[in-house]
Amino acid sequence: MSGLRRTLVTGALAGYAASRTMDAVTGAFHARQSEASRRREEEITPGGMLVQLGRQLGAAGGRELDDAAAGRVGLAAHRTLGTTYGVLAALLARRGVHPVAAGLAVGAAAWLVVDEGTALPTARQYPLVSHSRGVVGHATVGLTTGVLLALTGD
């Protein structure tokens, strides 16, 4: 396998694994949140962020999705983003950035653009703990991606 292809595949796999790890960490974080904060999040984003993302993507494609279909589409988009983050971190590492630093930089950028950037109209409505969960989740993505890349030598 060529060097670039190996970097892309390794990055994609690291990003996918990091995305799955993020879900476990943020799920545990969410379970420890107060009932009031979870209720407030549900008021702002009924069904959760992945369902809302799936609905938006469905609408962009001219389809109205039910919660189950929207959840599947949202999850697929989430995994695609995680995989993309891994590829970006691997490409940074290939250019000489330490893999862990590359992963953390990409994770921080993802938090800023995806979590906070897309939520600007409603950002102040969310409880602070929701933003904290995003920080923890994207730090997990970045650190996991970086460590996996470091372990593989990419």
C-alpha atoms as a PDB file:
ATOM      1  CA  MET A   1       0.000   0.000   0.000  1.00  0.00           C
ATOM      2  CA  SER A   2       1.375   3.415  -0.910  1.00  0.00           C
ATOM      3  CA  GLY A   3       2.370   5.805   1.862  1.00  0.00           C
ATOM      4  CA  LEU A   4      -0.478   8.242   1.259  1.00  0.00           C
ATOM      5  CA  ARG A   5      -3.075   5.482   0.945  1.00  0.00           C
ATOM      6  CA  ARG A   6      -1.841   3.934   4.197  1.00  0.00           C
ATOM      7  CA  THR A   7      -2.083   7.326   5.911  1.00  0.00           C
ATOM      8  CA  LEU A   8      -5.645   7.838   4.671  1.00  0.00           C
ATOM      9  CA  VAL A   9      -6.799   4.342   5.654  1.00  0.00           C
ATOM     10  CA  THR A  10      -5.092   4.496   9.055  1.00  0.00           C
ATOM     11  CA  GLY A  11      -6.552   7.940   9.690  1.00  0.00           C
ATOM     12  CA  ALA A  12     -10.044   6.818   8.689  1.00  0.00           C
ATOM     13  CA  LEU A  13      -9.879   3.785  10.981  1.00  0.00           C
ATOM     14  CA  ALA A  14      -8.500   5.846  13.872  1.00  0.00           C
ATOM     15  CA  GLY A  15     -11.220   8.449  13.373  1.00  0.00           C
ATOM     16  CA  TYR A  16     -13.943   5.808  13.282  1.00  0.00           C
ATOM     17  CA  ALA A  17     -12.648   4.201  16.478  1.00  0.00           C
ATOM     18  CA  ALA A  18     -12.356   7.626  18.094  1.00  0.00           C
ATOM     19  CA  SER A  19     -15.946   8.438  17.113  1.00  0.00           C
ATOM     20  CA  ARG A  20     -17.152   5.243  18.789  1.00  0.00           C
ATOM     21  CA  THR A  21     -15.060   6.048  21.871  1.00  0.00           C
ATOM     22  CA  MET A  22     -16.514   9.561  21.971  1.00  0.00           C
ATOM     23  CA  ASP A  23     -20.026   8.120  21.990  1.00  0.00           C
ATOM     24  CA  ALA A  24     -19.223   5.922  24.989  1.00  0.00           C
ATOM     25  CA  VAL A  25     -17.681   8.819  26.915  1.00  0.00           C
ATOM     26  CA  THR A  26     -20.392  11.350  26.105  1.00  0.00           C
ATOM     27  CA  GLY A  27     -23.074   8.750  26.818  1.00  0.00           C
ATOM     28  CA  ALA A  28     -21.638   8.204  30.288  1.00  0.00           C
ATOM     29  CA  PHE A  29     -21.348  11.982  30.757  1.00  0.00           C
ATOM     30  CA  HIS A  30     -24.976  12.461  29.650  1.00  0.00           C
ATOM     31  CA  ALA A  31     -26.193   9.776  32.064  1.00  0.00           C
ATOM     32  CA  ARG A  32     -24.606  11.695  34.953  1.00  0.00           C
ATOM     33  CA  GLN A  33     -26.219  15.011  34.000  1.00  0.00           C
ATOM     34  CA  SER A  34     -29.113  16.302  36.044  1.00  0.00           C
ATOM     35  CA  GLU A  35     -32.632  15.497  34.930  1.00  0.00           C
ATOM     36  CA  ALA A  36     -33.258  19.233  34.478  1.00  0.00           C
ATOM     37  CA  SER A  37     -30.340  19.644  32.050  1.00  0.00           C
ATOM     38  CA  ARG A  38     -31.403  16.587  30.030  1.00  0.00           C
ATOM     39  CA  ARG A  39     -34.973  17.866  29.906  1.00  0.00           C
ATOM     40  CA  ARG A  40     -33.756  21.291  28.707  1.00  0.00           C
ATOM     41  CA  GLU A  41     -31.693  19.689  25.937  1.00  0.00           C
ATOM     42  CA  GLU A  42     -34.728  17.675  24.831  1.00  0.00           C
ATOM     43  CA  GLU A  43     -36.792  20.875  24.654  1.00  0.00           C
ATOM     44  CA  ILE A  44     -34.183  22.524  22.410  1.00  0.00           C
ATOM     45  CA  THR A  45     -33.384  19.473  20.261  1.00  0.00           C
ATOM     46  CA  PRO A  46     -36.232  16.939  20.415  1.00  0.00           C
ATOM     47  CA  GLY A  47     -34.867  13.436  19.954  1.00  0.00           C
ATOM     48  CA  GLY A  48     -31.282  14.626  20.328  1.00  0.00           C
ATOM     49  CA  MET A  49     -28.707  16.200  18.059  1.00  0.00           C
ATOM     50  CA  LEU A  50     -28.296  13.186  15.773  1.00  0.00           C
ATOM     51  CA  VAL A  51     -32.026  12.998  15.085  1.00  0.00           C
ATOM     52  CA  GLN A  52     -32.136  16.724  14.372  1.00  0.00           C
ATOM     53  CA  LEU A  53     -29.096  16.448  12.086  1.00  0.00           C
ATOM     54  CA  GLY A  54     -30.740  13.554  10.262  1.00  0.00           C
ATOM     55  CA  ARG A  55     -33.942  15.560   9.830  1.00  0.00           C
ATOM     56  CA  GLN A  56     -31.998  18.505   8.406  1.00  0.00           C
ATOM     57  CA  LEU A  57     -30.091  16.299   5.990  1.00  0.00           C
ATOM     58  CA  GLY A  58     -33.305  14.568   4.947  1.00  0.00           C
ATOM     59  CA  ALA A  59     -34.987  17.926   4.355  1.00  0.00           C
ATOM     60  CA  ALA A  60     -31.999  19.040   2.271  1.00  0.00           C
ATOM     61  CA  GLY A  61     -32.627  15.970   0.128  1.00  0.00           C
ATOM     62  CA  GLY A  62     -36.339  16.730  -0.117  1.00  0.00           C
ATOM     63  CA  ARG A  63     -37.471  14.025   2.346  1.00  0.00           C
ATOM     64  CA  GLU A  64     -39.225  14.222   5.668  1.00  0.00           C
ATOM     65  CA  LEU A  65     -37.710  11.535   7.915  1.00  0.00           C
ATOM     66  CA  ASP A  66     -39.298   9.937  10.954  1.00  0.00           C
ATOM     67  CA  ASP A  67     -37.252   9.774  14.163  1.00  0.00           C
ATOM     68  CA  ALA A  68     -35.821   6.313  13.464  1.00  0.00           C
ATOM     69  CA  ALA A  69     -34.686   7.161   9.926  1.00  0.00           C
ATOM     70  CA  ALA A  70     -33.429  10.575  11.012  1.00  0.00           C
ATOM     71  CA  GLY A  71     -31.431   8.928  13.798  1.00  0.00           C
ATOM     72  CA  ARG A  72     -29.790   6.523  11.334  1.00  0.00           C
ATOM     73  CA  VAL A  73     -28.920   9.340   8.935  1.00  0.00           C
ATOM     74  CA  GLY A  74     -27.616  11.485  11.794  1.00  0.00           C
ATOM     75  CA  LEU A  75     -25.472   8.627  13.096  1.00  0.00           C
ATOM     76  CA  ALA A  76     -24.066   7.983   9.615  1.00  0.00           C
ATOM     77  CA  ALA A  77     -23.167  11.677   9.323  1.00  0.00           C
ATOM     78  CA  HIS A  78     -21.583  11.577  12.790  1.00  0.00           C
ATOM     79  CA  ARG A  79     -19.449   8.551  11.864  1.00  0.00           C
ATOM     80  CA  THR A  80     -18.477  10.205   8.582  1.00  0.00           C
ATOM     81  CA  LEU A  81     -17.327  13.306  10.447  1.00  0.00           C
ATOM     82  CA  GLY A  82     -15.334  11.191  12.919  1.00  0.00           C
ATOM     83  CA  THR A  83     -13.675   9.320  10.064  1.00  0.00           C
ATOM     84  CA  THR A  84     -12.885  12.608   8.346  1.00  0.00           C
ATOM     85  CA  TYR A  85     -11.339  13.990  11.535  1.00  0.00           C
ATOM     86  CA  GLY A  86      -9.072  10.953  11.666  1.00  0.00           C
ATOM     87  CA  VAL A  87      -7.985  11.471   8.064  1.00  0.00           C
ATOM     88  CA  LEU A  88      -7.253  15.155   8.712  1.00  0.00           C
ATOM     89  CA  ALA A  89      -5.214  14.325  11.812  1.00  0.00           C
ATOM     90  CA  ALA A  90      -3.293  11.633   9.915  1.00  0.00           C
ATOM     91  CA  LEU A  91      -2.501  14.093   7.132  1.00  0.00           C
ATOM     92  CA  LEU A  92      -1.226  16.610   9.694  1.00  0.00           C
ATOM     93  CA  ALA A  93       0.906  13.902  11.284  1.00  0.00           C
ATOM     94  CA  ARG A  94       2.241  12.974   7.846  1.00  0.00           C
ATOM     95  CA  ARG A  95       3.362  16.600   7.479  1.00  0.00           C
ATOM     96  CA  GLY A  96       5.352  16.393  10.702  1.00  0.00           C
ATOM     97  CA  VAL A  97       2.904  17.357  13.447  1.00  0.00           C
ATOM     98  CA  HIS A  98       3.098  14.991  16.416  1.00  0.00           C
ATOM     99  CA  PRO A  99       0.124  12.581  16.081  1.00  0.00           C
ATOM    100  CA  VAL A 100      -1.352  13.395  19.485  1.00  0.00           C
ATOM    101  CA  ALA A 101      -1.068  17.140  18.836  1.00  0.00           C
ATOM    102  CA  ALA A 102      -2.637  16.628  15.401  1.00  0.00           C
ATOM    103  CA  GLY A 103      -5.525  14.656  16.882  1.00  0.00           C
ATOM    104  CA  LEU A 104      -6.147  17.192  19.637  1.00  0.00           C
ATOM    105  CA  ALA A 105      -5.997  20.105  17.170  1.00  0.00           C
ATOM    106  CA  VAL A 106      -8.524  18.462  14.874  1.00  0.00           C
ATOM    107  CA  GLY A 107     -10.739  17.548  17.846  1.00  0.00           C
ATOM    108  CA  ALA A 108     -10.647  21.149  19.106  1.00  0.00           C
ATOM    109  CA  ALA A 109     -11.461  22.505  15.649  1.00  0.00           C
ATOM    110  CA  ALA A 110     -14.340  20.035  15.335  1.00  0.00           C
ATOM    111  CA  TRP A 111     -15.752  21.145  18.676  1.00  0.00           C
ATOM    112  CA  LEU A 112     -15.472  24.798  17.718  1.00  0.00           C
ATOM    113  CA  VAL A 113     -16.959  24.440  14.232  1.00  0.00           C
ATOM    114  CA  VAL A 114     -19.420  21.556  14.624  1.00  0.00           C
ATOM    115  CA  ASP A 115     -20.619  21.790  18.229  1.00  0.00           C
ATOM    116  CA  GLU A 116     -20.389  25.486  18.895  1.00  0.00           C
ATOM    117  CA  GLY A 117     -20.451  26.923  15.376  1.00  0.00           C
ATOM    118  CA  THR A 118     -23.593  25.146  14.254  1.00  0.00           C
ATOM    119  CA  ALA A 119     -25.339  25.907  17.537  1.00  0.00           C
ATOM    120  CA  LEU A 120     -24.738  29.674  17.508  1.00  0.00           C
ATOM    121  CA  PRO A 121     -28.415  30.607  17.219  1.00  0.00           C
ATOM    122  CA  THR A 122     -29.292  28.492  20.277  1.00  0.00           C
ATOM    123  CA  ALA A 123     -25.921  28.287  22.076  1.00  0.00           C
ATOM    124  CA  ARG A 124     -26.996  30.380  25.046  1.00  0.00           C
ATOM    125  CA  GLN A 125     -30.140  28.286  25.531  1.00  0.00           C
ATOM    126  CA  TYR A 126     -28.196  25.095  26.295  1.00  0.00           C
ATOM    127  CA  PRO A 127     -27.118  24.334  29.855  1.00  0.00           C
ATOM    128  CA  LEU A 128     -23.398  24.822  30.493  1.00  0.00           C
ATOM    129  CA  VAL A 129     -23.063  21.085  31.097  1.00  0.00           C
ATOM    130  CA  SER A 130     -24.095  20.462  27.473  1.00  0.00           C
ATOM    131  CA  HIS A 131     -21.187  22.561  26.228  1.00  0.00           C
ATOM    132  CA  SER A 132     -18.899  20.782  28.693  1.00  0.00           C
ATOM    133  CA  ARG A 133     -19.984  17.413  27.299  1.00  0.00           C
ATOM    134  CA  GLY A 134     -19.038  18.654  23.831  1.00  0.00           C
ATOM    135  CA  VAL A 135     -15.586  19.663  25.054  1.00  0.00           C
ATOM    136  CA  VAL A 136     -15.072  16.278  26.720  1.00  0.00           C
ATOM    137  CA  GLY A 137     -16.375  14.437  23.656  1.00  0.00           C
ATOM    138  CA  HIS A 138     -14.177  16.226  21.158  1.00  0.00           C
ATOM    139  CA  ALA A 139     -11.147  16.022  23.444  1.00  0.00           C
ATOM    140  CA  THR A 140     -11.809  12.273  23.535  1.00  0.00           C
ATOM    141  CA  VAL A 141     -11.968  12.154  19.733  1.00  0.00           C
ATOM    142  CA  GLY A 142      -8.738  14.099  19.434  1.00  0.00           C
ATOM    143  CA  LEU A 143      -6.807  12.181  22.063  1.00  0.00           C
ATOM    144  CA  THR A 144      -8.016   8.778  20.878  1.00  0.00           C
ATOM    145  CA  THR A 145      -7.212   9.607  17.266  1.00  0.00           C
ATOM    146  CA  GLY A 146      -3.778  10.933  18.183  1.00  0.00           C
ATOM    147  CA  VAL A 147      -2.860   7.964  20.360  1.00  0.00           C
ATOM    148  CA  LEU A 148      -3.991   5.481  17.706  1.00  0.00           C
ATOM    149  CA  LEU A 149      -1.997   7.303  15.041  1.00  0.00           C
ATOM    150  CA  ALA A 150       1.053   7.385  17.307  1.00  0.00           C
ATOM    151  CA  LEU A 151       0.731   3.647  17.951  1.00  0.00           C
ATOM    152  CA  THR A 152       0.567   2.880  14.226  1.00  0.00           C
ATOM    153  CA  GLY A 153       3.420   5.181  13.333  1.00  0.00           C
ATOM    154  CA  ASP A 154       1.205   7.434  11.172  1.00  0.00           C
END
